[in-house]
N, C-alpha and C. Protein backbone atom coordinates (compact mmCIF):
# COMPACT_ATOMS: atom_id res chain seq x y z
N MET A 1 -30.69 35.76 -7.50
CA MET A 1 -31.53 36.24 -6.66
C MET A 1 -32.72 34.98 -5.86
N LEU A 2 -32.82 35.11 -4.75
CA LEU A 2 -33.67 34.37 -4.60
C LEU A 2 -35.23 33.86 -4.70
N PRO A 3 -35.69 33.89 -5.23
CA PRO A 3 -37.29 34.01 -5.24
C PRO A 3 -38.10 33.74 -3.86
N VAL A 4 -39.21 34.67 -3.86
CA VAL A 4 -39.83 34.69 -2.53
C VAL A 4 -41.17 35.24 -3.02
N MET A 5 -42.00 34.79 -1.87
CA MET A 5 -43.54 35.50 -1.76
C MET A 5 -43.70 35.63 -0.48
N LEU A 6 -43.55 37.36 -0.57
CA LEU A 6 -43.59 38.16 0.99
C LEU A 6 -44.64 38.88 1.45
N ASN A 7 -45.30 38.30 2.67
CA ASN A 7 -46.63 38.53 3.24
C ASN A 7 -46.55 39.53 3.66
N VAL A 8 -47.21 40.80 2.95
CA VAL A 8 -46.74 42.50 3.70
C VAL A 8 -48.23 42.87 3.85
N THR A 9 -49.34 41.95 4.04
CA THR A 9 -50.46 42.35 4.68
C THR A 9 -50.13 43.63 5.36
N GLY A 10 -50.71 44.64 6.29
CA GLY A 10 -51.11 45.25 7.02
C GLY A 10 -49.65 46.18 6.92
N ARG A 11 -48.81 45.83 6.48
CA ARG A 11 -47.00 46.65 6.52
C ARG A 11 -46.93 47.63 5.56
N VAL A 12 -46.48 48.25 6.47
CA VAL A 12 -45.80 49.73 5.88
C VAL A 12 -45.02 49.45 4.21
N VAL A 13 -45.23 49.69 3.40
CA VAL A 13 -44.22 50.14 2.09
C VAL A 13 -44.26 51.43 1.39
N VAL A 14 -42.86 51.66 1.45
CA VAL A 14 -42.60 53.32 0.99
C VAL A 14 -42.13 52.90 -0.34
N VAL A 15 -42.84 53.76 -0.88
CA VAL A 15 -42.78 54.31 -2.68
C VAL A 15 -42.09 56.13 -2.41
N VAL A 16 -41.28 56.07 -2.83
CA VAL A 16 -40.37 57.41 -2.94
C VAL A 16 -40.29 57.33 -4.72
N GLY A 17 -40.95 59.14 -4.74
CA GLY A 17 -41.39 59.47 -6.40
C GLY A 17 -43.01 58.70 -6.80
N ALA A 18 -43.29 59.63 -7.24
CA ALA A 18 -45.05 59.15 -7.75
C ALA A 18 -44.83 59.34 -9.17
N GLY A 19 -44.09 59.41 -10.26
CA GLY A 19 -44.46 59.39 -11.16
C GLY A 19 -44.83 57.88 -11.52
N ALA A 20 -45.10 57.66 -13.13
CA ALA A 20 -45.35 56.26 -13.71
C ALA A 20 -45.10 55.16 -12.91
N VAL A 21 -43.85 54.85 -12.78
CA VAL A 21 -43.30 53.44 -12.29
C VAL A 21 -43.40 53.32 -10.59
N GLY A 22 -43.42 54.42 -9.93
CA GLY A 22 -43.17 54.43 -8.72
C GLY A 22 -45.27 54.14 -8.13
N ARG A 23 -46.13 54.55 -9.40
CA ARG A 23 -47.51 54.66 -9.41
C ARG A 23 -47.77 53.20 -9.54
N ARG A 24 -47.18 52.61 -9.94
CA ARG A 24 -47.30 51.31 -10.49
C ARG A 24 -46.72 50.19 -9.56
N LYS A 25 -45.67 50.83 -8.99
CA LYS A 25 -45.11 50.14 -7.48
C LYS A 25 -45.96 50.15 -6.30
N ALA A 26 -46.70 50.99 -6.21
CA ALA A 26 -47.28 51.42 -4.95
C ALA A 26 -49.04 50.57 -5.59
N ALA A 27 -49.25 50.64 -6.59
CA ALA A 27 -50.26 49.88 -6.83
C ALA A 27 -50.52 48.45 -6.57
N THR A 28 -49.14 47.59 -6.81
CA THR A 28 -48.55 46.36 -7.38
C THR A 28 -48.79 46.08 -5.28
N ALA A 29 -48.15 47.05 -4.92
CA ALA A 29 -47.83 46.79 -3.42
C ALA A 29 -49.32 46.86 -2.51
N ARG A 30 -50.10 47.74 -2.93
CA ARG A 30 -51.45 47.78 -2.45
C ARG A 30 -52.21 46.79 -2.75
N GLU A 31 -51.99 46.10 -4.11
CA GLU A 31 -53.11 44.87 -4.07
C GLU A 31 -52.57 43.57 -3.60
N ALA A 32 -51.51 44.03 -3.17
CA ALA A 32 -51.16 42.75 -1.92
C ALA A 32 -51.10 42.61 -0.82
N GLY A 33 -52.13 44.10 -0.36
CA GLY A 33 -52.81 44.41 0.89
C GLY A 33 -51.35 45.01 2.02
N ALA A 34 -50.52 45.78 1.45
CA ALA A 34 -49.47 46.48 2.30
C ALA A 34 -50.11 48.10 2.17
N LEU A 35 -50.08 48.77 3.47
CA LEU A 35 -50.01 50.54 3.34
C LEU A 35 -48.93 50.91 2.77
N ILE A 36 -49.08 52.02 2.11
CA ILE A 36 -48.58 52.25 1.38
C ILE A 36 -47.85 53.93 1.62
N ARG A 37 -47.12 54.39 1.72
CA ARG A 37 -46.29 55.82 1.83
C ARG A 37 -46.01 56.01 0.90
N VAL A 38 -46.15 57.45 0.10
CA VAL A 38 -45.86 57.75 -1.50
C VAL A 38 -45.62 59.33 -0.84
N ILE A 39 -43.61 59.15 -0.93
CA ILE A 39 -43.33 60.68 -0.76
C ILE A 39 -42.73 61.55 -2.07
N ASP A 40 -43.43 62.26 -2.13
CA ASP A 40 -43.54 63.16 -3.02
C ASP A 40 -43.84 64.29 -2.94
N PRO A 41 -42.95 65.44 -3.40
CA PRO A 41 -42.90 67.35 -3.10
C PRO A 41 -44.19 67.08 -3.83
N ASN A 42 -44.79 67.11 -4.96
CA ASN A 42 -46.01 67.13 -5.95
C ASN A 42 -46.84 66.99 -4.91
N PRO A 43 -48.17 67.68 -5.33
CA PRO A 43 -49.35 67.39 -4.79
C PRO A 43 -50.03 66.73 -5.17
N PRO A 44 -50.32 65.29 -4.74
CA PRO A 44 -50.69 64.09 -5.19
C PRO A 44 -52.13 64.22 -6.34
N GLY A 45 -52.10 63.56 -7.36
CA GLY A 45 -52.73 63.57 -8.29
C GLY A 45 -54.22 62.25 -8.18
N SER A 46 -54.99 61.77 -9.07
CA SER A 46 -55.60 60.42 -7.94
C SER A 46 -54.95 58.84 -7.88
N MET A 47 -55.03 59.03 -6.76
CA MET A 47 -54.54 57.87 -6.07
C MET A 47 -55.70 57.06 -4.52
N GLU A 48 -55.84 55.87 -4.57
CA GLU A 48 -56.62 55.32 -3.55
C GLU A 48 -56.83 56.18 -2.09
N PRO A 49 -57.55 56.28 -1.83
CA PRO A 49 -57.79 56.79 -0.40
C PRO A 49 -57.17 56.47 0.99
N GLU A 50 -56.51 55.13 0.50
CA GLU A 50 -55.83 54.25 1.47
C GLU A 50 -54.42 54.88 1.57
N VAL A 51 -53.80 55.26 0.49
CA VAL A 51 -52.34 55.90 -0.18
C VAL A 51 -52.36 56.79 1.21
N VAL A 52 -51.15 57.17 2.24
CA VAL A 52 -50.74 57.88 2.80
C VAL A 52 -49.98 59.05 1.47
N TRP A 53 -50.23 60.13 0.93
CA TRP A 53 -49.61 60.75 0.46
C TRP A 53 -48.66 61.93 1.37
N VAL A 54 -47.29 61.78 1.51
CA VAL A 54 -46.05 62.84 2.26
C VAL A 54 -45.92 63.39 1.17
N THR A 55 -46.44 65.24 0.84
CA THR A 55 -46.06 65.91 0.19
C THR A 55 -45.06 66.93 0.64
N GLU A 56 -43.68 66.09 0.43
CA GLU A 56 -42.12 66.67 1.08
C GLU A 56 -41.37 65.99 0.35
N GLU A 57 -40.43 67.42 0.40
CA GLU A 57 -38.43 66.06 -0.07
C GLU A 57 -38.11 65.18 0.53
N TYR A 58 -37.86 64.02 -0.03
CA TYR A 58 -37.51 63.13 0.73
C TYR A 58 -36.06 63.17 1.70
N ARG A 59 -36.49 62.39 2.99
CA ARG A 59 -35.58 62.81 4.10
C ARG A 59 -35.58 61.18 4.49
N GLU A 60 -34.53 60.55 4.91
CA GLU A 60 -34.50 59.44 5.96
C GLU A 60 -35.60 58.89 6.64
N THR A 61 -35.98 59.41 7.59
CA THR A 61 -37.44 59.81 8.52
C THR A 61 -38.42 58.56 8.26
N HIS A 62 -38.48 59.22 6.07
CA HIS A 62 -39.50 58.94 5.78
C HIS A 62 -40.01 57.13 5.59
N LEU A 63 -38.85 56.68 5.85
CA LEU A 63 -38.55 55.19 5.90
C LEU A 63 -38.93 54.14 7.27
N VAL A 64 -38.70 55.06 7.87
CA VAL A 64 -38.87 54.62 9.54
C VAL A 64 -40.67 53.57 9.96
N GLY A 65 -40.17 52.68 9.99
CA GLY A 65 -41.35 51.82 9.87
C GLY A 65 -41.59 50.88 8.97
N ALA A 66 -41.33 51.15 7.40
CA ALA A 66 -41.42 50.27 6.53
C ALA A 66 -40.86 49.18 6.37
N CYS A 67 -41.35 48.12 5.99
CA CYS A 67 -40.51 47.17 5.70
C CYS A 67 -39.94 46.82 4.29
N LEU A 68 -40.67 47.51 3.61
CA LEU A 68 -40.22 47.15 1.75
C LEU A 68 -39.64 48.85 1.33
N VAL A 69 -38.89 49.26 0.64
CA VAL A 69 -38.67 50.86 0.07
C VAL A 69 -38.57 50.57 -1.37
N PHE A 70 -39.13 50.92 -2.15
CA PHE A 70 -39.12 51.71 -3.67
C PHE A 70 -38.76 52.67 -4.08
N ALA A 71 -37.35 53.15 -4.46
CA ALA A 71 -36.69 53.92 -4.67
C ALA A 71 -36.96 54.21 -6.32
N CYS A 72 -37.98 55.19 -6.90
CA CYS A 72 -38.64 55.43 -7.69
C CYS A 72 -38.68 57.00 -8.38
N GLY A 73 -37.32 57.77 -7.48
CA GLY A 73 -37.22 59.49 -8.20
C GLY A 73 -35.85 59.80 -8.88
N PRO A 74 -35.45 60.41 -9.53
CA PRO A 74 -34.41 60.83 -9.61
C PRO A 74 -33.48 59.70 -9.31
N PRO A 75 -32.27 59.31 -10.35
CA PRO A 75 -31.20 58.90 -9.53
C PRO A 75 -30.77 58.85 -8.74
N GLN A 76 -30.33 60.53 -7.90
CA GLN A 76 -29.62 61.26 -6.95
C GLN A 76 -30.36 61.00 -6.02
N VAL A 77 -31.50 61.18 -5.91
CA VAL A 77 -32.55 60.38 -4.90
C VAL A 77 -32.45 59.25 -4.56
N ASN A 78 -32.71 58.44 -5.55
CA ASN A 78 -32.79 57.30 -5.39
C ASN A 78 -31.48 56.85 -5.18
N ALA A 79 -30.21 56.87 -5.16
CA ALA A 79 -29.09 56.81 -4.31
C ALA A 79 -28.91 56.96 -3.33
N GLN A 80 -29.86 58.43 -2.64
CA GLN A 80 -30.04 58.34 -1.38
C GLN A 80 -30.74 57.33 -0.57
N VAL A 81 -32.00 56.95 -0.91
CA VAL A 81 -32.84 56.55 -0.77
C VAL A 81 -32.28 54.76 -0.51
N VAL A 82 -31.44 54.63 -1.33
CA VAL A 82 -30.56 52.98 -1.27
C VAL A 82 -30.03 52.96 -0.07
N ALA A 83 -28.85 53.98 -0.02
CA ALA A 83 -27.98 54.00 0.99
C ALA A 83 -28.82 54.40 2.38
N ASP A 84 -30.09 54.80 2.49
CA ASP A 84 -30.40 55.17 3.84
C ASP A 84 -31.21 53.83 4.19
N ALA A 85 -32.08 53.36 3.07
CA ALA A 85 -32.56 51.96 3.39
C ALA A 85 -31.65 50.82 4.13
N THR A 86 -30.28 50.88 3.36
CA THR A 86 -29.52 49.95 3.67
C THR A 86 -29.27 50.07 5.04
N ALA A 87 -28.88 50.68 5.23
CA ALA A 87 -28.29 51.99 6.97
C ALA A 87 -29.51 51.28 7.89
N GLN A 88 -30.69 51.70 7.14
CA GLN A 88 -31.94 50.72 8.24
C GLN A 88 -32.28 49.39 8.30
N GLY A 89 -31.35 48.78 7.29
CA GLY A 89 -31.80 47.38 7.36
C GLY A 89 -33.15 47.24 6.52
N VAL A 90 -33.67 47.98 5.84
CA VAL A 90 -34.90 47.45 5.02
C VAL A 90 -34.70 47.46 3.68
N TRP A 91 -35.45 46.25 3.12
CA TRP A 91 -34.79 46.09 1.75
C TRP A 91 -35.40 46.90 0.51
N VAL A 92 -34.55 46.88 -0.08
CA VAL A 92 -34.88 48.38 -1.17
C VAL A 92 -34.95 47.94 -2.77
N ASN A 93 -35.88 48.44 -3.09
CA ASN A 93 -35.80 48.36 -5.15
C ASN A 93 -35.17 50.01 -5.42
N SER A 94 -34.30 49.78 -6.83
CA SER A 94 -34.16 51.26 -6.56
C SER A 94 -34.73 50.97 -8.43
N ALA A 95 -35.58 51.93 -8.82
CA ALA A 95 -35.75 52.07 -10.39
C ALA A 95 -34.88 52.43 -11.35
N THR A 96 -33.47 52.78 -10.88
CA THR A 96 -32.22 53.19 -11.69
C THR A 96 -31.66 52.26 -12.07
N GLY A 97 -31.97 51.29 -11.36
CA GLY A 97 -31.19 49.69 -11.83
C GLY A 97 -31.37 48.38 -11.05
N PRO A 98 -31.55 47.54 -11.13
CA PRO A 98 -31.75 46.22 -10.10
C PRO A 98 -30.54 45.82 -9.77
N ALA A 99 -29.62 46.15 -9.52
CA ALA A 99 -28.18 46.13 -8.92
C ALA A 99 -27.69 46.79 -7.77
N ALA A 100 -29.10 48.11 -8.13
CA ALA A 100 -28.41 49.21 -7.13
C ALA A 100 -29.39 49.10 -5.77
N GLY A 101 -30.13 47.83 -5.71
CA GLY A 101 -30.70 47.46 -4.72
C GLY A 101 -30.57 46.09 -4.38
N ASP A 102 -31.60 45.46 -3.41
CA ASP A 102 -31.74 44.08 -2.93
C ASP A 102 -32.80 43.46 -3.17
N PHE A 103 -33.75 43.46 -4.32
CA PHE A 103 -35.15 42.96 -4.83
C PHE A 103 -35.43 43.53 -5.96
N VAL A 104 -36.36 42.79 -6.89
CA VAL A 104 -37.04 43.45 -8.33
C VAL A 104 -38.44 42.59 -8.12
N LEU A 105 -39.00 43.35 -8.95
CA LEU A 105 -40.05 42.81 -8.57
C LEU A 105 -40.39 42.34 -10.26
N PRO A 106 -40.69 40.92 -9.96
CA PRO A 106 -41.32 40.42 -10.98
C PRO A 106 -42.31 40.46 -11.84
N ALA A 107 -43.33 40.10 -13.07
CA ALA A 107 -44.49 40.56 -13.84
C ALA A 107 -45.04 39.17 -13.12
N VAL A 108 -46.63 39.98 -12.81
CA VAL A 108 -47.06 38.79 -11.97
C VAL A 108 -48.79 38.86 -12.18
N ALA A 109 -48.97 37.47 -12.30
CA ALA A 109 -50.38 37.06 -13.16
C ALA A 109 -51.66 36.60 -11.83
N ARG A 110 -52.21 36.82 -11.38
CA ARG A 110 -53.01 36.02 -10.13
C ARG A 110 -54.69 35.80 -10.68
N ARG A 111 -54.54 34.66 -10.77
CA ARG A 111 -56.28 33.73 -10.60
C ARG A 111 -56.59 33.01 -9.41
N GLY A 112 -57.92 33.65 -8.85
CA GLY A 112 -57.75 32.86 -7.35
C GLY A 112 -56.39 32.50 -6.82
N GLY A 113 -56.46 31.48 -6.36
CA GLY A 113 -55.15 31.29 -5.37
C GLY A 113 -53.86 31.07 -6.19
N VAL A 114 -53.96 30.96 -7.87
CA VAL A 114 -52.91 30.65 -8.77
C VAL A 114 -52.17 32.17 -8.47
N THR A 115 -50.69 32.47 -8.10
CA THR A 115 -49.93 33.33 -8.70
C THR A 115 -48.91 33.21 -9.86
N VAL A 116 -48.50 33.79 -10.64
CA VAL A 116 -47.32 33.23 -11.64
C VAL A 116 -46.96 34.31 -11.66
N ALA A 117 -45.86 34.59 -11.28
CA ALA A 117 -44.23 35.22 -11.46
C ALA A 117 -43.10 35.28 -12.57
N VAL A 118 -42.76 36.56 -13.36
CA VAL A 118 -41.88 36.18 -13.94
C VAL A 118 -40.89 36.98 -14.31
N SER A 119 -39.56 36.77 -14.05
CA SER A 119 -38.80 38.03 -14.05
C SER A 119 -37.03 37.56 -14.39
N THR A 120 -36.84 38.35 -15.28
CA THR A 120 -35.50 38.31 -16.16
C THR A 120 -34.37 39.08 -15.23
N LEU A 121 -34.23 39.54 -14.00
CA LEU A 121 -33.90 39.79 -13.08
C LEU A 121 -33.46 41.66 -13.63
N GLY A 122 -34.66 41.91 -14.44
CA GLY A 122 -34.12 43.29 -14.60
C GLY A 122 -33.55 43.24 -16.39
N ALA A 123 -33.03 42.24 -16.87
CA ALA A 123 -32.67 42.59 -18.46
C ALA A 123 -33.57 42.68 -19.29
N SER A 124 -34.88 42.56 -18.91
CA SER A 124 -36.19 42.96 -19.83
C SER A 124 -37.16 42.96 -19.14
N PRO A 125 -38.13 44.08 -18.56
CA PRO A 125 -39.25 43.84 -17.82
C PRO A 125 -40.01 43.92 -18.87
N ALA A 126 -39.93 44.27 -20.23
CA ALA A 126 -40.67 44.06 -20.94
C ALA A 126 -40.94 42.39 -21.64
N LEU A 127 -40.31 41.59 -21.45
CA LEU A 127 -40.25 40.51 -22.03
C LEU A 127 -40.41 39.37 -21.05
N ALA A 128 -40.32 40.10 -19.45
CA ALA A 128 -41.11 39.58 -18.61
C ALA A 128 -42.48 39.13 -18.28
N ARG A 129 -43.37 40.89 -19.06
CA ARG A 129 -44.36 40.97 -19.20
C ARG A 129 -45.23 39.99 -20.31
N ARG A 130 -44.07 39.65 -21.05
CA ARG A 130 -44.97 39.28 -22.22
C ARG A 130 -45.16 37.45 -22.15
N LEU A 131 -43.70 36.93 -20.90
CA LEU A 131 -44.00 36.10 -20.83
C LEU A 131 -45.05 35.33 -20.02
N ARG A 132 -45.48 36.21 -19.00
CA ARG A 132 -46.30 36.88 -17.83
C ARG A 132 -47.78 36.22 -18.50
N ASP A 133 -47.94 37.20 -19.76
CA ASP A 133 -48.78 37.44 -20.35
C ASP A 133 -49.22 35.59 -20.80
N LYS A 134 -48.24 34.83 -21.71
CA LYS A 134 -48.33 33.89 -21.93
C LYS A 134 -48.96 33.08 -20.90
N LEU A 135 -48.07 32.82 -19.95
CA LEU A 135 -48.82 31.76 -18.77
C LEU A 135 -49.83 32.07 -18.35
N GLU A 136 -50.15 33.16 -18.32
CA GLU A 136 -51.49 33.73 -17.83
C GLU A 136 -52.73 33.20 -18.80
N ALA A 137 -52.39 33.13 -19.91
CA ALA A 137 -53.57 32.97 -20.64
C ALA A 137 -53.53 30.40 -20.11
N GLU A 138 -52.95 30.16 -19.57
CA GLU A 138 -52.79 28.69 -19.47
C GLU A 138 -53.47 28.56 -18.17
N LEU A 139 -54.05 29.67 -17.19
CA LEU A 139 -54.55 29.59 -16.19
C LEU A 139 -56.31 29.69 -16.03
N GLU A 140 -56.87 28.45 -16.43
CA GLU A 140 -58.23 28.14 -16.83
C GLU A 140 -58.98 27.82 -15.65
N PRO A 141 -60.65 28.22 -15.82
CA PRO A 141 -61.03 28.55 -14.64
C PRO A 141 -61.34 27.12 -14.07
N ALA A 142 -60.75 25.50 -14.79
CA ALA A 142 -60.55 24.48 -13.85
C ALA A 142 -59.50 24.32 -12.99
N LEU A 143 -58.13 25.20 -13.16
CA LEU A 143 -57.08 25.25 -12.73
C LEU A 143 -57.39 25.77 -11.28
N VAL A 144 -57.80 26.96 -11.56
CA VAL A 144 -58.24 28.14 -10.49
C VAL A 144 -59.22 26.94 -9.32
N GLU A 145 -60.06 26.15 -10.14
CA GLU A 145 -61.10 25.69 -8.62
C GLU A 145 -59.88 24.26 -8.20
N TRP A 146 -59.17 23.45 -9.59
CA TRP A 146 -58.94 22.92 -8.42
C TRP A 146 -57.38 23.29 -6.83
N VAL A 147 -56.62 24.37 -7.52
CA VAL A 147 -56.36 24.95 -6.56
C VAL A 147 -57.22 25.72 -5.15
N ALA A 148 -58.32 26.20 -5.33
CA ALA A 148 -59.30 26.23 -4.36
C ALA A 148 -59.42 25.11 -3.45
N LEU A 149 -60.08 23.80 -4.31
CA LEU A 149 -60.41 22.46 -3.85
C LEU A 149 -59.04 21.91 -2.86
N LEU A 150 -57.71 21.81 -3.28
CA LEU A 150 -56.90 21.64 -2.73
C LEU A 150 -56.39 22.39 -1.18
N GLU A 151 -56.69 23.51 -1.28
CA GLU A 151 -56.73 24.50 -0.58
C GLU A 151 -57.85 24.17 1.01
N GLU A 152 -58.72 23.99 0.18
CA GLU A 152 -60.08 23.22 0.99
C GLU A 152 -59.53 22.11 1.72
N LEU A 153 -58.78 21.05 1.32
CA LEU A 153 -59.13 19.47 1.62
C LEU A 153 -57.70 19.13 2.41
N ARG A 154 -56.87 20.22 2.44
CA ARG A 154 -54.92 20.06 2.58
C ARG A 154 -55.48 20.17 4.33
N PRO A 155 -56.17 20.83 4.95
CA PRO A 155 -56.10 20.87 6.68
C PRO A 155 -57.08 19.36 7.11
N VAL A 156 -58.08 18.92 6.16
CA VAL A 156 -58.71 17.82 6.66
C VAL A 156 -57.28 16.88 6.30
N VAL A 157 -56.83 16.71 5.38
CA VAL A 157 -55.73 15.47 5.42
C VAL A 157 -54.69 15.81 6.39
N LEU A 158 -54.09 16.89 7.04
CA LEU A 158 -53.47 17.47 7.91
C LEU A 158 -54.19 16.74 9.32
N ALA A 159 -55.26 16.81 9.33
CA ALA A 159 -56.10 16.45 10.63
C ALA A 159 -55.96 15.30 10.70
N THR A 160 -56.50 14.25 9.99
CA THR A 160 -57.00 12.96 9.71
C THR A 160 -56.42 11.92 9.49
N VAL A 161 -55.16 12.04 8.77
CA VAL A 161 -54.10 11.13 8.04
C VAL A 161 -52.60 11.53 9.08
N ALA A 162 -52.51 10.05 10.09
CA ALA A 162 -51.52 10.46 11.12
C ALA A 162 -49.81 10.32 10.64
N ASP A 163 -49.95 9.20 9.96
CA ASP A 163 -48.79 8.34 9.08
C ASP A 163 -47.96 10.07 8.19
N PRO A 164 -46.81 10.71 8.67
CA PRO A 164 -46.48 11.35 7.48
C PRO A 164 -46.03 10.97 6.04
N ALA A 165 -45.74 9.28 6.33
CA ALA A 165 -45.08 9.19 4.98
C ALA A 165 -46.49 8.96 3.65
N THR A 166 -47.53 8.55 4.38
CA THR A 166 -48.77 8.41 3.70
C THR A 166 -49.74 9.74 3.46
N ARG A 167 -49.42 10.53 4.43
CA ARG A 167 -49.23 12.21 4.07
C ARG A 167 -49.10 12.61 3.14
N ARG A 168 -47.78 12.80 3.13
CA ARG A 168 -47.09 13.38 1.93
C ARG A 168 -47.61 12.93 0.56
N ALA A 169 -47.78 11.17 0.78
CA ALA A 169 -47.75 10.58 -0.99
C ALA A 169 -49.21 10.93 -1.19
N LEU A 170 -50.32 11.30 -0.21
CA LEU A 170 -51.94 11.60 -0.50
C LEU A 170 -51.80 12.96 -1.05
N LEU A 171 -51.42 13.76 -0.58
CA LEU A 171 -50.90 15.54 -0.96
C LEU A 171 -50.19 15.35 -2.62
N ASP A 172 -49.30 14.64 -2.25
CA ASP A 172 -49.03 14.49 -3.93
C ASP A 172 -49.96 14.33 -5.03
N THR A 173 -50.64 12.88 -4.58
CA THR A 173 -51.44 12.13 -5.29
C THR A 173 -52.86 13.54 -5.65
N LEU A 174 -53.31 13.87 -4.42
CA LEU A 174 -53.96 15.07 -4.74
C LEU A 174 -53.76 16.22 -6.22
N ALA A 175 -52.43 16.38 -5.81
CA ALA A 175 -52.04 17.14 -6.89
C ALA A 175 -51.39 16.96 -8.28
N ASP A 176 -52.05 16.01 -8.51
CA ASP A 176 -51.64 15.52 -10.11
C ASP A 176 -52.43 15.80 -10.90
N TRP A 177 -51.83 15.36 -12.15
CA TRP A 177 -53.02 16.38 -13.00
C TRP A 177 -53.96 15.91 -13.75
N PRO A 178 -53.91 14.34 -13.14
CA PRO A 178 -55.32 13.80 -13.80
C PRO A 178 -56.67 13.99 -12.85
N TRP A 179 -56.63 14.79 -11.47
CA TRP A 179 -57.42 15.26 -11.03
C TRP A 179 -57.93 16.97 -12.05
N LEU A 180 -57.08 17.21 -12.55
CA LEU A 180 -57.86 18.67 -13.42
C LEU A 180 -58.28 18.20 -14.65
N ALA A 181 -58.09 17.50 -15.07
CA ALA A 181 -58.86 16.93 -16.05
C ALA A 181 -60.38 15.98 -15.70
N ARG A 182 -60.32 15.66 -14.33
CA ARG A 182 -61.68 14.97 -13.83
C ARG A 182 -62.79 16.45 -13.08
N ILE A 183 -61.80 17.80 -13.14
CA ILE A 183 -62.66 19.03 -12.54
C ILE A 183 -63.28 19.32 -14.02
N GLN A 184 -62.27 19.27 -15.22
CA GLN A 184 -63.15 19.41 -16.42
C GLN A 184 -64.36 18.59 -17.06
N CYS A 185 -64.09 17.32 -16.44
CA CYS A 185 -65.03 16.74 -17.20
C CYS A 185 -66.24 16.38 -16.21
N GLU A 186 -66.05 16.03 -14.95
CA GLU A 186 -66.71 15.97 -14.36
C GLU A 186 -67.58 16.98 -13.04
N GLY A 187 -66.67 18.04 -13.39
CA GLY A 187 -67.27 19.53 -12.25
C GLY A 187 -66.62 19.63 -11.10
N VAL A 188 -66.32 19.99 -10.16
CA VAL A 188 -65.64 20.41 -8.58
C VAL A 188 -66.29 19.65 -7.89
N ALA A 189 -67.54 19.44 -7.98
CA ALA A 189 -68.15 19.00 -6.78
C ALA A 189 -68.16 17.67 -7.03
N ALA A 190 -68.51 16.61 -7.70
CA ALA A 190 -67.86 15.17 -8.01
C ALA A 190 -66.37 15.12 -7.51
N VAL A 191 -65.84 16.40 -7.57
CA VAL A 191 -63.42 15.96 -7.27
C VAL A 191 -64.16 16.16 -6.09
N ARG A 192 -64.19 17.19 -5.48
CA ARG A 192 -64.06 17.21 -4.22
C ARG A 192 -64.91 15.82 -3.34
N VAL A 193 -65.85 15.14 -3.56
CA VAL A 193 -66.80 13.93 -3.19
C VAL A 193 -65.48 12.32 -3.46
N ALA A 194 -64.75 12.51 -4.34
CA ALA A 194 -64.10 11.48 -5.07
C ALA A 194 -62.33 12.13 -4.05
N MET A 195 -62.12 12.94 -3.77
CA MET A 195 -61.12 13.63 -3.32
C MET A 195 -61.52 13.49 -1.30
N ARG A 196 -62.52 13.45 -1.08
CA ARG A 196 -62.96 13.19 0.18
C ARG A 196 -62.64 11.93 0.55
N GLU A 197 -63.20 10.60 -0.35
CA GLU A 197 -62.74 9.31 -0.22
C GLU A 197 -61.05 8.76 -0.42
N GLU A 198 -60.13 9.86 -1.01
CA GLU A 198 -59.13 9.25 -1.31
C GLU A 198 -58.84 9.40 -0.01
N ILE A 199 -58.89 10.68 0.68
CA ILE A 199 -58.38 10.88 2.31
C ILE A 199 -59.34 9.83 3.17
N GLY A 200 -60.12 9.59 3.07
CA GLY A 200 -60.91 8.87 3.77
C GLY A 200 -60.11 7.04 3.72
N ARG A 201 -59.66 6.84 2.71
CA ARG A 201 -58.92 5.54 2.95
C ARG A 201 -57.91 6.00 3.17
N ALA A 202 -57.05 6.93 2.37
CA ALA A 202 -55.48 7.20 3.30
C ALA A 202 -55.66 7.01 4.80
N ALA A 203 -56.65 7.84 5.65
CA ALA A 203 -56.92 8.04 6.99
C ALA A 203 -57.15 6.56 7.45
N GLY A 204 -57.45 5.56 7.35
CA GLY A 204 -57.95 4.49 7.26
C GLY A 204 -57.15 3.27 7.29
N ALA A 205 -56.07 3.31 6.48
CA ALA A 205 -54.81 2.80 6.04
C ALA A 205 -53.68 2.00 7.09
């Protein structure tokens, strides 16, 4: 499978089935900024007010306008959801099994601008979660500050360093590990000054 990071902000994601799995998928997509439509014939329990809950048996028209679909119902319903989504050209994830759909969700950890995603391609979601937790423990505050600083200064580099080769080398240098050690020792404000000096030297080269 091809690992990607999808921008679903403001786009419709449909979840068919509101059991524990469906609710987890809905929560994950909601955290990513998607507009959630849940299809389940049972009246809703607690759910975010932004979620649209359709208390009907599933039918293919429920997928209209969706960018992604999660089939989280009984196997026979999931099979129909997969068939309908495929016919409509919409990517679908099936809780029945990863091979039945187009994609799987990795175990994800987010700290500031850092996202860690781990997948075993459906072989063991439990192991993926444990690997995610192990990696998440490495995401210390200084690393998150470093990423935020790189996000802040990247547009400055692009705007002021004209030579492509120099620009690539500078961006690579600013993303090297010694900067993390400097943030840990000197603080982010001092490192910001030092990075801007590096940018100024590269711009004048």
